[in-house]
Amino acid sequence: MNRADEDEYRQFVTTRLEPLRVTAYLLCRNWHTADDLVSITIGKLYRHWRRVRAMENVDAYVRGMLTNAWLDERRRPWRRERSTDDVPDRADAEFPEAALADREDLLVLLSQLPPRRRAVIVLRFWCDFSVDETARVLGISTGTVKSQAARGLESLRLLATLDRAGNGEGA
């Protein structure tokens, strides 16, 4: 981008930054996320400024870019998580033998999974590897990691339910 284009881009962003921020807030209802969305949008705008500035209604186009950035963020799985004021359940330190029994039960259930599925579950949830790290270590695609993790967790849930039903603890 030449100097004149860059100056024009800076002037556009400087004058529109706050309205873009407010628009982003109205979309997502969170100022931190709004700032992230505006940042993503102005980064993309910089890369495509020559093409965008030639458009008839630049403001409308940039608001569309902002909206698309928000929609993209909403589609991402980590955005589905919601914070809560309630503290999650935790193991009770007064009964370490119960925790040990649960751990042993989990090991038995894990041993019933096929090897690749077990490896994915262990790497993702015990070692806390990302999907990419797990895929790299196992030499498989990220899609395979995701599907094997989902199937492995579902298998563990089913096995745990069957185990409890077999021991007369639940139905």
C-alpha atoms as a PDB file:
ATOM      1  CA  MET A   1       0.000   0.000   0.000  1.00  0.00           C
ATOM      2  CA  ASN A   2       1.392   3.406  -0.906  1.00  0.00           C
ATOM      3  CA  ARG A   3       1.604   6.328   1.508  1.00  0.00           C
ATOM      4  CA  ALA A   4      -1.514   8.117   0.219  1.00  0.00           C
ATOM      5  CA  ASP A   5      -3.612   4.946   0.507  1.00  0.00           C
ATOM      6  CA  GLU A   6      -2.305   4.302   3.987  1.00  0.00           C
ATOM      7  CA  ASP A   7      -3.108   7.858   5.088  1.00  0.00           C
ATOM      8  CA  GLU A   8      -6.609   7.540   3.669  1.00  0.00           C
ATOM      9  CA  TYR A   9      -7.051   4.187   5.465  1.00  0.00           C
ATOM     10  CA  ARG A  10      -5.864   5.664   8.786  1.00  0.00           C
ATOM     11  CA  GLN A  11      -8.209   8.609   8.453  1.00  0.00           C
ATOM     12  CA  PHE A  12     -11.143   6.294   7.691  1.00  0.00           C
ATOM     13  CA  VAL A  13     -10.379   4.039  10.660  1.00  0.00           C
ATOM     14  CA  THR A  14      -9.782   6.963  13.023  1.00  0.00           C
ATOM     15  CA  THR A  15     -13.144   8.531  12.235  1.00  0.00           C
ATOM     16  CA  ARG A  16     -15.101   5.250  12.230  1.00  0.00           C
ATOM     17  CA  LEU A  17     -13.433   3.377  15.103  1.00  0.00           C
ATOM     18  CA  GLU A  18     -15.877   4.290  17.861  1.00  0.00           C
ATOM     19  CA  PRO A  19     -19.042   3.718  15.773  1.00  0.00           C
ATOM     20  CA  LEU A  20     -17.636   0.338  14.697  1.00  0.00           C
ATOM     21  CA  ARG A  21     -16.925  -0.508  18.326  1.00  0.00           C
ATOM     22  CA  VAL A  22     -20.481   0.375  19.354  1.00  0.00           C
ATOM     23  CA  THR A  23     -21.898  -1.669  16.477  1.00  0.00           C
ATOM     24  CA  ALA A  24     -19.774  -4.628  17.504  1.00  0.00           C
ATOM     25  CA  TYR A  25     -20.960  -4.266  21.109  1.00  0.00           C
ATOM     26  CA  LEU A  26     -24.577  -4.247  19.980  1.00  0.00           C
ATOM     27  CA  LEU A  27     -23.941  -7.482  18.111  1.00  0.00           C
ATOM     28  CA  CYS A  28     -22.129  -9.389  20.858  1.00  0.00           C
ATOM     29  CA  ARG A  29     -23.031  -7.511  24.095  1.00  0.00           C
ATOM     30  CA  ASN A  30     -19.458  -7.715  25.399  1.00  0.00           C
ATOM     31  CA  TRP A  31     -16.917  -4.877  25.135  1.00  0.00           C
ATOM     32  CA  HIS A  32     -13.876  -7.165  25.062  1.00  0.00           C
ATOM     33  CA  THR A  33     -15.310  -9.249  22.257  1.00  0.00           C
ATOM     34  CA  ALA A  34     -16.389  -6.076  20.474  1.00  0.00           C
ATOM     35  CA  ASP A  35     -12.815  -4.794  20.562  1.00  0.00           C
ATOM     36  CA  ASP A  36     -11.602  -8.129  19.164  1.00  0.00           C
ATOM     37  CA  LEU A  37     -14.161  -7.978  16.355  1.00  0.00           C
ATOM     38  CA  VAL A  38     -13.205  -4.427  15.424  1.00  0.00           C
ATOM     39  CA  SER A  39      -9.553  -5.418  15.456  1.00  0.00           C
ATOM     40  CA  ILE A  40     -10.227  -8.353  13.134  1.00  0.00           C
ATOM     41  CA  THR A  41     -12.288  -6.136  10.841  1.00  0.00           C
ATOM     42  CA  ILE A  42      -9.770  -3.315  10.535  1.00  0.00           C
ATOM     43  CA  GLY A  43      -7.007  -5.862   9.932  1.00  0.00           C
ATOM     44  CA  LYS A  44      -8.938  -7.341   7.022  1.00  0.00           C
ATOM     45  CA  LEU A  45      -9.846  -3.865   5.843  1.00  0.00           C
ATOM     46  CA  TYR A  46      -6.173  -2.897   5.711  1.00  0.00           C
ATOM     47  CA  ARG A  47      -5.349  -5.886   3.519  1.00  0.00           C
ATOM     48  CA  HIS A  48      -8.154  -5.037   1.075  1.00  0.00           C
ATOM     49  CA  TRP A  49      -8.251  -1.249   1.376  1.00  0.00           C
ATOM     50  CA  ARG A  50      -7.583  -0.491  -2.307  1.00  0.00           C
ATOM     51  CA  ARG A  51     -10.538  -2.600  -3.396  1.00  0.00           C
ATOM     52  CA  VAL A  52     -12.838  -1.499  -0.550  1.00  0.00           C
ATOM     53  CA  ARG A  53     -12.262   2.268  -0.883  1.00  0.00           C
ATOM     54  CA  ALA A  54     -13.421   2.118  -4.501  1.00  0.00           C
ATOM     55  CA  MET A  55     -16.840   0.818  -3.419  1.00  0.00           C
ATOM     56  CA  GLU A  56     -19.935   2.976  -3.481  1.00  0.00           C
ATOM     57  CA  ASN A  57     -20.763   2.678   0.235  1.00  0.00           C
ATOM     58  CA  VAL A  58     -17.596   1.878   2.189  1.00  0.00           C
ATOM     59  CA  ASP A  59     -19.295   2.259   5.583  1.00  0.00           C
ATOM     60  CA  ALA A  60     -21.940  -0.339   4.760  1.00  0.00           C
ATOM     61  CA  TYR A  61     -19.322  -2.711   3.428  1.00  0.00           C
ATOM     62  CA  VAL A  62     -17.183  -2.378   6.572  1.00  0.00           C
ATOM     63  CA  ARG A  63     -20.236  -2.940   8.796  1.00  0.00           C
ATOM     64  CA  GLY A  64     -20.884  -6.077   6.747  1.00  0.00           C
ATOM     65  CA  MET A  65     -17.290  -7.160   7.343  1.00  0.00           C
ATOM     66  CA  LEU A  66     -17.800  -6.571  11.067  1.00  0.00           C
ATOM     67  CA  THR A  67     -21.006  -8.593  11.096  1.00  0.00           C
ATOM     68  CA  ASN A  68     -19.336 -11.448   9.232  1.00  0.00           C
ATOM     69  CA  ALA A  69     -16.450 -11.392  11.723  1.00  0.00           C
ATOM     70  CA  TRP A  70     -18.983 -11.700  14.553  1.00  0.00           C
ATOM     71  CA  LEU A  71     -20.781 -14.572  12.836  1.00  0.00           C
ATOM     72  CA  ASP A  72     -17.456 -16.336  12.259  1.00  0.00           C
ATOM     73  CA  GLU A  73     -16.600 -15.980  15.956  1.00  0.00           C
ATOM     74  CA  ARG A  74     -19.999 -17.364  16.962  1.00  0.00           C
ATOM     75  CA  ARG A  75     -19.418 -20.449  14.845  1.00  0.00           C
ATOM     76  CA  ARG A  76     -16.198 -21.278  16.652  1.00  0.00           C
ATOM     77  CA  PRO A  77     -16.656 -23.996  19.295  1.00  0.00           C
ATOM     78  CA  TRP A  78     -14.878 -22.176  22.094  1.00  0.00           C
ATOM     79  CA  ARG A  79     -17.409 -19.351  21.810  1.00  0.00           C
ATOM     80  CA  ARG A  80     -20.170 -21.747  22.840  1.00  0.00           C
ATOM     81  CA  GLU A  81     -18.807 -21.871  26.348  1.00  0.00           C
ATOM     82  CA  ARG A  82     -20.478 -19.560  28.823  1.00  0.00           C
ATOM     83  CA  SER A  83     -19.074 -18.292  32.093  1.00  0.00           C
ATOM     84  CA  THR A  84     -21.063 -18.851  35.242  1.00  0.00           C
ATOM     85  CA  ASP A  85     -21.116 -17.657  38.827  1.00  0.00           C
ATOM     86  CA  ASP A  86     -21.593 -21.209  40.119  1.00  0.00           C
ATOM     87  CA  VAL A  87     -18.438 -23.073  41.072  1.00  0.00           C
ATOM     88  CA  PRO A  88     -18.276 -26.465  39.321  1.00  0.00           C
ATOM     89  CA  ASP A  89     -18.350 -29.678  41.295  1.00  0.00           C
ATOM     90  CA  ARG A  90     -14.985 -30.823  42.557  1.00  0.00           C
ATOM     91  CA  ALA A  91     -13.606 -33.937  44.179  1.00  0.00           C
ATOM     92  CA  ASP A  92     -14.011 -33.989  47.922  1.00  0.00           C
ATOM     93  CA  ALA A  93     -10.634 -34.112  49.678  1.00  0.00           C
ATOM     94  CA  GLU A  94     -12.207 -35.869  52.688  1.00  0.00           C
ATOM     95  CA  PHE A  95     -12.775 -39.046  50.693  1.00  0.00           C
ATOM     96  CA  PRO A  96      -9.593 -39.780  48.710  1.00  0.00           C
ATOM     97  CA  GLU A  97     -10.518 -43.461  48.435  1.00  0.00           C
ATOM     98  CA  ALA A  98     -13.644 -42.497  46.458  1.00  0.00           C
ATOM     99  CA  ALA A  99     -11.497 -40.478  44.058  1.00  0.00           C
ATOM    100  CA  LEU A 100      -9.091 -43.412  43.759  1.00  0.00           C
ATOM    101  CA  ALA A 101     -11.977 -45.782  43.017  1.00  0.00           C
ATOM    102  CA  ASP A 102     -13.275 -43.384  40.343  1.00  0.00           C
ATOM    103  CA  ARG A 103      -9.799 -43.213  38.825  1.00  0.00           C
ATOM    104  CA  GLU A 104      -9.536 -46.995  38.730  1.00  0.00           C
ATOM    105  CA  ASP A 105     -12.995 -47.235  37.169  1.00  0.00           C
ATOM    106  CA  LEU A 106     -11.928 -44.728  34.532  1.00  0.00           C
ATOM    107  CA  LEU A 107      -8.805 -46.749  33.753  1.00  0.00           C
ATOM    108  CA  VAL A 108     -10.943 -49.867  33.276  1.00  0.00           C
ATOM    109  CA  LEU A 109     -13.298 -47.957  30.983  1.00  0.00           C
ATOM    110  CA  LEU A 110     -10.369 -46.489  29.017  1.00  0.00           C
ATOM    111  CA  SER A 111      -8.934 -49.953  28.481  1.00  0.00           C
ATOM    112  CA  GLN A 112     -12.149 -50.914  26.680  1.00  0.00           C
ATOM    113  CA  LEU A 113     -11.668 -48.264  23.999  1.00  0.00           C
ATOM    114  CA  PRO A 114      -9.903 -49.037  20.724  1.00  0.00           C
ATOM    115  CA  PRO A 115      -6.225 -47.949  20.799  1.00  0.00           C
ATOM    116  CA  ARG A 116      -6.450 -44.866  18.572  1.00  0.00           C
ATOM    117  CA  ARG A 117      -9.566 -43.599  20.328  1.00  0.00           C
ATOM    118  CA  ARG A 118      -7.919 -44.178  23.704  1.00  0.00           C
ATOM    119  CA  ALA A 119      -4.792 -42.336  22.546  1.00  0.00           C
ATOM    120  CA  VAL A 120      -6.852 -39.362  21.394  1.00  0.00           C
ATOM    121  CA  ILE A 121      -8.772 -39.230  24.694  1.00  0.00           C
ATOM    122  CA  VAL A 122      -5.604 -39.457  26.776  1.00  0.00           C
ATOM    123  CA  LEU A 123      -3.706 -36.840  24.767  1.00  0.00           C
ATOM    124  CA  ARG A 124      -6.618 -34.401  24.535  1.00  0.00           C
ATOM    125  CA  PHE A 125      -8.030 -34.660  28.053  1.00  0.00           C
ATOM    126  CA  TRP A 126      -5.279 -36.012  30.276  1.00  0.00           C
ATOM    127  CA  CYS A 127      -2.261 -34.375  28.666  1.00  0.00           C
ATOM    128  CA  ASP A 128      -4.335 -31.313  27.670  1.00  0.00           C
ATOM    129  CA  PHE A 129      -3.022 -31.289  24.104  1.00  0.00           C
ATOM    130  CA  SER A 130      -4.755 -29.152  21.500  1.00  0.00           C
ATOM    131  CA  VAL A 131      -6.432 -30.771  18.514  1.00  0.00           C
ATOM    132  CA  ASP A 132      -3.470 -29.766  16.324  1.00  0.00           C
ATOM    133  CA  GLU A 133      -0.887 -31.129  18.781  1.00  0.00           C
ATOM    134  CA  THR A 134      -2.776 -34.408  19.109  1.00  0.00           C
ATOM    135  CA  ALA A 135      -3.034 -34.747  15.327  1.00  0.00           C
ATOM    136  CA  ARG A 136       0.689 -34.077  14.919  1.00  0.00           C
ATOM    137  CA  VAL A 137       1.691 -36.587  17.620  1.00  0.00           C
ATOM    138  CA  LEU A 138      -0.552 -39.334  16.240  1.00  0.00           C
ATOM    139  CA  GLY A 139       0.072 -38.529  12.578  1.00  0.00           C
ATOM    140  CA  ILE A 140      -3.631 -38.114  11.793  1.00  0.00           C
ATOM    141  CA  SER A 141      -5.794 -35.228  10.590  1.00  0.00           C
ATOM    142  CA  THR A 142      -7.421 -32.746  12.950  1.00  0.00           C
ATOM    143  CA  GLY A 143     -10.829 -33.930  11.734  1.00  0.00           C
ATOM    144  CA  THR A 144      -9.948 -37.464  12.783  1.00  0.00           C
ATOM    145  CA  VAL A 145      -8.880 -36.195  16.216  1.00  0.00           C
ATOM    146  CA  LYS A 146     -12.195 -34.400  16.647  1.00  0.00           C
ATOM    147  CA  SER A 147     -14.313 -37.341  15.554  1.00  0.00           C
ATOM    148  CA  GLN A 148     -12.316 -39.853  17.594  1.00  0.00           C
ATOM    149  CA  ALA A 149     -12.546 -37.618  20.681  1.00  0.00           C
ATOM    150  CA  ALA A 150     -16.307 -37.246  20.283  1.00  0.00           C
ATOM    151  CA  ARG A 151     -16.802 -40.969  19.739  1.00  0.00           C
ATOM    152  CA  GLY A 152     -14.421 -41.827  22.572  1.00  0.00           C
ATOM    153  CA  LEU A 153     -16.249 -39.596  25.052  1.00  0.00           C
ATOM    154  CA  GLU A 154     -19.596 -41.013  23.948  1.00  0.00           C
ATOM    155  CA  SER A 155     -18.247 -44.553  24.347  1.00  0.00           C
ATOM    156  CA  LEU A 156     -16.956 -43.748  27.831  1.00  0.00           C
ATOM    157  CA  ARG A 157     -20.349 -42.323  28.816  1.00  0.00           C
ATOM    158  CA  LEU A 158     -22.126 -45.390  27.504  1.00  0.00           C
ATOM    159  CA  LEU A 159     -19.675 -47.782  29.171  1.00  0.00           C
ATOM    160  CA  ALA A 160     -19.975 -45.899  32.466  1.00  0.00           C
ATOM    161  CA  THR A 161     -23.785 -46.057  32.284  1.00  0.00           C
ATOM    162  CA  LEU A 162     -23.705 -49.781  31.546  1.00  0.00           C
ATOM    163  CA  ASP A 163     -21.201 -50.337  34.342  1.00  0.00           C
ATOM    164  CA  ARG A 164     -23.388 -48.486  36.854  1.00  0.00           C
ATOM    165  CA  ALA A 165     -26.488 -50.363  35.688  1.00  0.00           C
ATOM    166  CA  GLY A 166     -24.625 -53.665  36.002  1.00  0.00           C
ATOM    167  CA  ASN A 167     -23.597 -52.840  39.578  1.00  0.00           C
ATOM    168  CA  GLY A 168     -27.162 -51.915  40.515  1.00  0.00           C
ATOM    169  CA  GLU A 169     -26.274 -48.222  40.998  1.00  0.00           C
ATOM    170  CA  GLY A 170     -28.543 -46.765  38.323  1.00  0.00           C
ATOM    171  CA  ALA A 171     -30.739 -47.586  35.405  1.00  0.00           C
END
